[in-house]
């Protein structure tokens, strides 16, 4: 549904330690999705991901039915965005900032076959 939070990423310098922490706190299990990216199995829709420059706080993804139109609207409202990226078999994403610099991301699911 457009505008609903549908994914969250928790950045970690050491994803093994982070997975141990959240497992101990909430009982979460994870599955490796590729490289050092670990999808949360039995918790919120999201993942524990490697911390990178500029990705030091949790990243929230809002659903959209038309990511191109949503990115255009972000710009019209004074926000910014990186390019739209396709994640094969998952959908399309865009990392954005609102007009005050708060980061968020947009997610358009891949068409169902």
N, C-alpha and C. Protein backbone atom coordinates (compact mmCIF):
# COMPACT_ATOMS: atom_id res chain seq x y z
N UNK A 1 0.84 -1.17 0.00
CA UNK A 1 0.00 0.00 0.00
C UNK A 1 0.89 1.24 0.00
N UNK A 2 0.60 2.21 -0.84
CA UNK A 2 1.42 3.42 -0.92
C UNK A 2 1.51 4.14 0.42
N UNK A 3 2.71 4.57 0.75
CA UNK A 3 2.95 5.35 1.96
C UNK A 3 3.16 4.55 3.22
N UNK A 4 2.90 3.26 3.19
CA UNK A 4 3.12 2.45 4.39
C UNK A 4 4.57 1.99 4.46
N UNK A 5 5.09 1.91 5.67
CA UNK A 5 6.44 1.38 5.85
C UNK A 5 6.37 -0.12 5.53
N UNK A 6 7.20 -0.55 4.59
CA UNK A 6 7.17 -1.97 4.21
C UNK A 6 8.53 -2.65 4.31
N UNK A 7 9.56 -1.92 4.77
CA UNK A 7 10.88 -2.53 4.90
C UNK A 7 11.74 -1.60 5.75
N UNK A 8 12.63 -2.17 6.54
CA UNK A 8 13.57 -1.39 7.31
C UNK A 8 14.93 -2.09 7.27
N UNK A 9 15.98 -1.31 7.15
CA UNK A 9 17.33 -1.87 7.17
C UNK A 9 18.08 -1.30 8.36
N UNK A 10 18.72 -2.19 9.12
CA UNK A 10 19.50 -1.81 10.29
C UNK A 10 20.98 -1.94 9.93
N UNK A 11 21.70 -0.82 9.83
CA UNK A 11 23.11 -0.88 9.47
C UNK A 11 23.97 -1.30 10.66
N UNK A 12 24.99 -2.08 10.40
CA UNK A 12 25.88 -2.56 11.46
C UNK A 12 27.31 -2.62 10.96
N UNK A 13 28.24 -2.19 11.80
CA UNK A 13 29.65 -2.31 11.48
C UNK A 13 30.04 -3.79 11.42
N UNK A 14 29.49 -4.57 12.34
CA UNK A 14 29.74 -6.01 12.41
C UNK A 14 28.37 -6.70 12.39
N UNK A 15 27.96 -7.20 11.25
CA UNK A 15 26.62 -7.79 11.13
C UNK A 15 26.47 -9.07 11.96
N UNK A 16 27.56 -9.79 12.19
CA UNK A 16 27.48 -10.99 13.04
C UNK A 16 27.11 -10.59 14.46
N UNK A 17 27.78 -9.58 14.99
CA UNK A 17 27.45 -9.10 16.33
C UNK A 17 26.03 -8.54 16.38
N UNK A 18 25.63 -7.82 15.35
CA UNK A 18 24.28 -7.25 15.33
C UNK A 18 23.22 -8.35 15.30
N UNK A 19 23.46 -9.39 14.52
CA UNK A 19 22.49 -10.50 14.46
C UNK A 19 22.41 -11.20 15.81
N UNK A 20 23.55 -11.34 16.50
CA UNK A 20 23.55 -11.93 17.83
C UNK A 20 22.78 -11.04 18.81
N UNK A 21 22.99 -9.73 18.72
CA UNK A 21 22.30 -8.79 19.59
C UNK A 21 20.80 -8.88 19.41
N UNK A 22 20.31 -8.76 18.17
CA UNK A 22 18.86 -8.75 17.93
C UNK A 22 18.24 -10.12 18.16
N UNK A 23 19.00 -11.16 17.97
CA UNK A 23 18.52 -12.50 18.31
C UNK A 23 18.31 -12.60 19.82
N UNK A 24 19.28 -12.10 20.58
CA UNK A 24 19.17 -12.14 22.03
C UNK A 24 18.06 -11.24 22.57
N UNK A 25 17.85 -10.09 21.90
CA UNK A 25 16.84 -9.14 22.35
C UNK A 25 15.43 -9.55 21.95
N UNK A 26 15.25 -9.93 20.68
CA UNK A 26 13.91 -10.20 20.15
C UNK A 26 13.70 -11.64 19.69
N UNK A 27 14.77 -12.45 19.66
CA UNK A 27 14.64 -13.82 19.16
C UNK A 27 14.64 -13.91 17.64
N UNK A 28 15.10 -12.85 16.97
CA UNK A 28 15.11 -12.85 15.51
C UNK A 28 16.12 -13.84 14.96
N UNK A 29 15.74 -14.53 13.89
CA UNK A 29 16.66 -15.29 13.08
C UNK A 29 16.84 -14.53 11.77
N UNK A 30 17.91 -14.82 11.06
CA UNK A 30 18.15 -14.15 9.78
C UNK A 30 18.60 -15.16 8.73
N UNK A 31 18.42 -14.76 7.48
CA UNK A 31 18.89 -15.56 6.35
C UNK A 31 19.75 -14.67 5.47
N UNK A 32 20.88 -15.19 5.03
CA UNK A 32 21.75 -14.42 4.14
C UNK A 32 21.07 -14.24 2.80
N UNK A 33 21.07 -13.00 2.31
CA UNK A 33 20.44 -12.69 1.02
C UNK A 33 21.49 -12.46 -0.05
N UNK A 34 22.70 -12.30 0.34
CA UNK A 34 23.78 -12.04 -0.61
C UNK A 34 24.85 -11.24 0.09
N UNK A 35 26.06 -11.71 0.02
CA UNK A 35 27.14 -11.01 0.71
C UNK A 35 26.88 -10.99 2.20
N UNK A 36 26.97 -9.82 2.78
CA UNK A 36 26.82 -9.64 4.22
C UNK A 36 25.45 -9.03 4.55
N UNK A 37 24.47 -9.22 3.69
CA UNK A 37 23.11 -8.69 3.86
C UNK A 37 22.23 -9.82 4.38
N UNK A 38 21.56 -9.60 5.53
CA UNK A 38 20.83 -10.67 6.20
C UNK A 38 19.38 -10.27 6.44
N UNK A 39 18.47 -10.97 5.79
CA UNK A 39 17.04 -10.71 5.92
C UNK A 39 16.54 -11.26 7.26
N UNK A 40 15.71 -10.48 7.94
CA UNK A 40 15.13 -10.90 9.22
C UNK A 40 14.01 -11.90 8.92
N UNK A 41 14.10 -13.08 9.52
CA UNK A 41 13.13 -14.15 9.24
C UNK A 41 11.85 -14.04 10.05
N UNK A 42 11.94 -13.73 11.30
CA UNK A 42 10.78 -13.82 12.18
C UNK A 42 10.60 -12.54 13.00
N UNK A 43 10.69 -11.43 12.32
CA UNK A 43 10.50 -10.13 12.94
C UNK A 43 9.91 -9.19 11.92
N UNK A 44 10.24 -7.92 12.00
CA UNK A 44 9.71 -6.98 11.01
C UNK A 44 10.28 -7.27 9.62
N UNK A 45 9.58 -6.83 8.60
CA UNK A 45 10.09 -6.97 7.24
C UNK A 45 11.31 -6.08 7.11
N UNK A 46 12.48 -6.70 6.98
CA UNK A 46 13.69 -5.91 6.90
C UNK A 46 14.94 -6.76 6.94
N UNK A 47 16.06 -6.08 7.17
CA UNK A 47 17.35 -6.76 7.11
C UNK A 47 18.37 -6.06 7.99
N UNK A 48 19.42 -6.79 8.31
CA UNK A 48 20.62 -6.25 8.95
C UNK A 48 21.65 -6.18 7.83
N UNK A 49 22.19 -4.99 7.63
CA UNK A 49 23.05 -4.75 6.47
C UNK A 49 24.36 -4.10 6.91
N UNK A 50 25.41 -4.25 6.10
CA UNK A 50 26.68 -3.60 6.45
C UNK A 50 26.55 -2.08 6.48
N UNK A 51 27.13 -1.47 7.48
CA UNK A 51 27.15 -0.01 7.58
C UNK A 51 28.12 0.52 6.53
N UNK A 52 27.69 1.55 5.84
CA UNK A 52 28.52 2.17 4.81
C UNK A 52 28.49 3.68 5.03
N UNK A 53 29.38 4.39 4.36
CA UNK A 53 29.37 5.85 4.44
C UNK A 53 27.98 6.36 4.09
N UNK A 54 27.44 7.21 4.93
CA UNK A 54 26.12 7.78 4.67
C UNK A 54 24.97 6.88 5.09
N UNK A 55 25.24 5.65 5.48
CA UNK A 55 24.20 4.71 5.90
C UNK A 55 24.53 4.27 7.32
N UNK A 56 24.29 5.19 8.26
CA UNK A 56 24.64 4.93 9.64
C UNK A 56 23.42 4.84 10.56
N UNK A 57 22.25 5.19 10.04
CA UNK A 57 21.01 5.13 10.82
C UNK A 57 20.07 4.15 10.12
N UNK A 58 19.08 3.61 10.84
CA UNK A 58 18.12 2.73 10.17
C UNK A 58 17.51 3.41 8.95
N UNK A 59 17.29 2.63 7.92
CA UNK A 59 16.70 3.14 6.67
C UNK A 59 15.29 2.58 6.56
N UNK A 60 14.32 3.49 6.40
CA UNK A 60 12.92 3.11 6.30
C UNK A 60 12.49 3.21 4.83
N UNK A 61 11.77 2.20 4.37
CA UNK A 61 11.26 2.17 3.00
C UNK A 61 9.74 2.34 3.02
N UNK A 62 9.24 3.27 2.20
CA UNK A 62 7.80 3.47 2.04
C UNK A 62 7.37 2.89 0.70
N UNK A 63 6.25 2.18 0.69
CA UNK A 63 5.74 1.59 -0.53
C UNK A 63 5.19 2.64 -1.48
N UNK A 64 5.31 2.36 -2.77
CA UNK A 64 4.72 3.20 -3.82
C UNK A 64 4.32 2.30 -4.98
N UNK A 65 3.28 2.68 -5.69
CA UNK A 65 2.85 1.92 -6.86
C UNK A 65 3.56 2.39 -8.12
N UNK A 66 4.13 3.61 -8.08
CA UNK A 66 4.82 4.18 -9.25
C UNK A 66 6.03 4.96 -8.75
N UNK A 67 7.15 4.29 -8.68
CA UNK A 67 8.34 4.91 -8.10
C UNK A 67 8.83 6.11 -8.91
N UNK A 68 8.68 6.07 -10.23
CA UNK A 68 9.12 7.19 -11.04
C UNK A 68 8.31 8.45 -10.72
N UNK A 69 6.99 8.29 -10.61
CA UNK A 69 6.13 9.42 -10.26
C UNK A 69 6.42 9.91 -8.84
N UNK A 70 6.70 8.99 -7.93
CA UNK A 70 6.99 9.37 -6.54
C UNK A 70 8.31 10.13 -6.45
N UNK A 71 9.33 9.68 -7.17
CA UNK A 71 10.62 10.38 -7.16
C UNK A 71 10.44 11.78 -7.75
N UNK A 72 9.66 11.89 -8.81
CA UNK A 72 9.39 13.20 -9.41
C UNK A 72 8.72 14.11 -8.38
N UNK A 73 7.78 13.57 -7.63
CA UNK A 73 7.06 14.34 -6.61
C UNK A 73 8.00 14.76 -5.47
N UNK A 74 8.93 13.88 -5.09
CA UNK A 74 9.92 14.23 -4.07
C UNK A 74 10.65 15.51 -4.49
N UNK A 75 11.07 15.56 -5.74
CA UNK A 75 11.80 16.72 -6.25
C UNK A 75 10.90 17.95 -6.29
N UNK A 76 9.65 17.78 -6.72
CA UNK A 76 8.71 18.90 -6.77
C UNK A 76 8.48 19.51 -5.39
N UNK A 77 8.55 18.68 -4.36
CA UNK A 77 8.32 19.13 -2.99
C UNK A 77 9.58 19.63 -2.29
N UNK A 78 10.70 19.66 -3.03
CA UNK A 78 11.94 20.20 -2.48
C UNK A 78 12.89 19.17 -1.91
N UNK A 79 12.58 17.90 -2.09
CA UNK A 79 13.47 16.84 -1.63
C UNK A 79 14.47 16.46 -2.71
N UNK A 80 15.29 15.47 -2.39
CA UNK A 80 16.28 14.97 -3.34
C UNK A 80 16.21 13.45 -3.38
N UNK A 81 16.81 12.89 -4.41
CA UNK A 81 16.87 11.42 -4.51
C UNK A 81 18.07 11.01 -5.33
N UNK A 82 18.50 9.79 -5.06
CA UNK A 82 19.48 9.14 -5.93
C UNK A 82 18.69 8.52 -7.07
N UNK A 83 19.36 7.89 -7.99
CA UNK A 83 18.68 7.23 -9.08
C UNK A 83 17.86 6.04 -8.59
N UNK A 84 16.92 5.62 -9.41
CA UNK A 84 16.11 4.44 -9.11
C UNK A 84 16.94 3.21 -9.48
N UNK A 85 16.99 2.24 -8.55
CA UNK A 85 17.75 1.01 -8.75
C UNK A 85 16.80 -0.18 -8.79
N UNK A 86 17.08 -1.12 -9.67
CA UNK A 86 16.28 -2.34 -9.74
C UNK A 86 17.00 -3.45 -8.98
N UNK A 87 16.26 -4.12 -8.11
CA UNK A 87 16.76 -5.30 -7.41
C UNK A 87 16.04 -6.48 -8.07
N UNK A 88 16.75 -7.28 -8.88
CA UNK A 88 16.11 -8.35 -9.63
C UNK A 88 15.26 -9.27 -8.75
N UNK A 89 14.03 -9.49 -9.18
CA UNK A 89 13.12 -10.36 -8.47
C UNK A 89 12.50 -9.74 -7.23
N UNK A 90 12.90 -8.52 -6.89
CA UNK A 90 12.39 -7.86 -5.68
C UNK A 90 11.57 -6.62 -6.04
N UNK A 91 12.16 -5.73 -6.83
CA UNK A 91 11.46 -4.51 -7.21
C UNK A 91 12.44 -3.38 -7.47
N UNK A 92 11.94 -2.17 -7.37
CA UNK A 92 12.75 -0.98 -7.63
C UNK A 92 12.78 -0.11 -6.38
N UNK A 93 13.94 0.48 -6.10
CA UNK A 93 14.12 1.30 -4.91
C UNK A 93 14.77 2.63 -5.29
N UNK A 94 14.53 3.63 -4.45
CA UNK A 94 15.20 4.92 -4.59
C UNK A 94 15.45 5.46 -3.19
N UNK A 95 16.69 5.87 -2.92
CA UNK A 95 17.04 6.48 -1.64
C UNK A 95 16.86 7.99 -1.78
N UNK A 96 16.13 8.58 -0.85
CA UNK A 96 15.73 9.98 -0.94
C UNK A 96 16.02 10.72 0.36
N UNK A 97 15.86 12.04 0.30
CA UNK A 97 15.86 12.92 1.47
C UNK A 97 14.69 13.87 1.30
N UNK A 98 13.98 14.15 2.41
CA UNK A 98 12.89 15.11 2.32
C UNK A 98 13.47 16.52 2.25
N UNK A 99 12.60 17.52 2.27
CA UNK A 99 13.04 18.91 2.11
C UNK A 99 13.81 19.44 3.32
N UNK A 100 13.92 18.63 4.39
CA UNK A 100 14.71 19.03 5.55
C UNK A 100 15.94 18.14 5.73
N UNK A 101 16.17 17.24 4.76
CA UNK A 101 17.35 16.39 4.79
C UNK A 101 17.18 15.05 5.47
N UNK A 102 15.96 14.70 5.89
CA UNK A 102 15.72 13.42 6.54
C UNK A 102 15.73 12.31 5.50
N UNK A 103 16.56 11.28 5.70
CA UNK A 103 16.63 10.20 4.71
C UNK A 103 15.44 9.24 4.83
N UNK A 104 15.02 8.74 3.69
CA UNK A 104 14.02 7.67 3.59
C UNK A 104 14.21 7.03 2.23
N UNK A 105 13.55 5.92 2.02
CA UNK A 105 13.64 5.26 0.72
C UNK A 105 12.24 4.92 0.23
N UNK A 106 12.13 4.74 -1.08
CA UNK A 106 10.89 4.33 -1.72
C UNK A 106 11.07 2.94 -2.30
N UNK A 107 9.99 2.16 -2.32
CA UNK A 107 10.04 0.80 -2.82
C UNK A 107 8.80 0.50 -3.66
N UNK A 108 9.02 0.08 -4.89
CA UNK A 108 7.95 -0.38 -5.78
C UNK A 108 8.18 -1.87 -6.02
N UNK A 109 7.26 -2.72 -5.58
CA UNK A 109 7.47 -4.16 -5.75
C UNK A 109 7.53 -4.57 -7.22
N UNK A 110 8.27 -5.65 -7.47
CA UNK A 110 8.33 -6.21 -8.82
C UNK A 110 6.96 -6.75 -9.19
N UNK A 111 6.61 -6.70 -10.47
CA UNK A 111 5.32 -7.26 -10.88
C UNK A 111 5.26 -8.74 -10.54
N UNK A 112 4.10 -9.19 -10.09
CA UNK A 112 3.90 -10.61 -9.77
C UNK A 112 3.69 -11.39 -11.06
N UNK A 113 4.39 -12.52 -11.18
CA UNK A 113 4.25 -13.32 -12.40
C UNK A 113 3.18 -14.35 -12.25
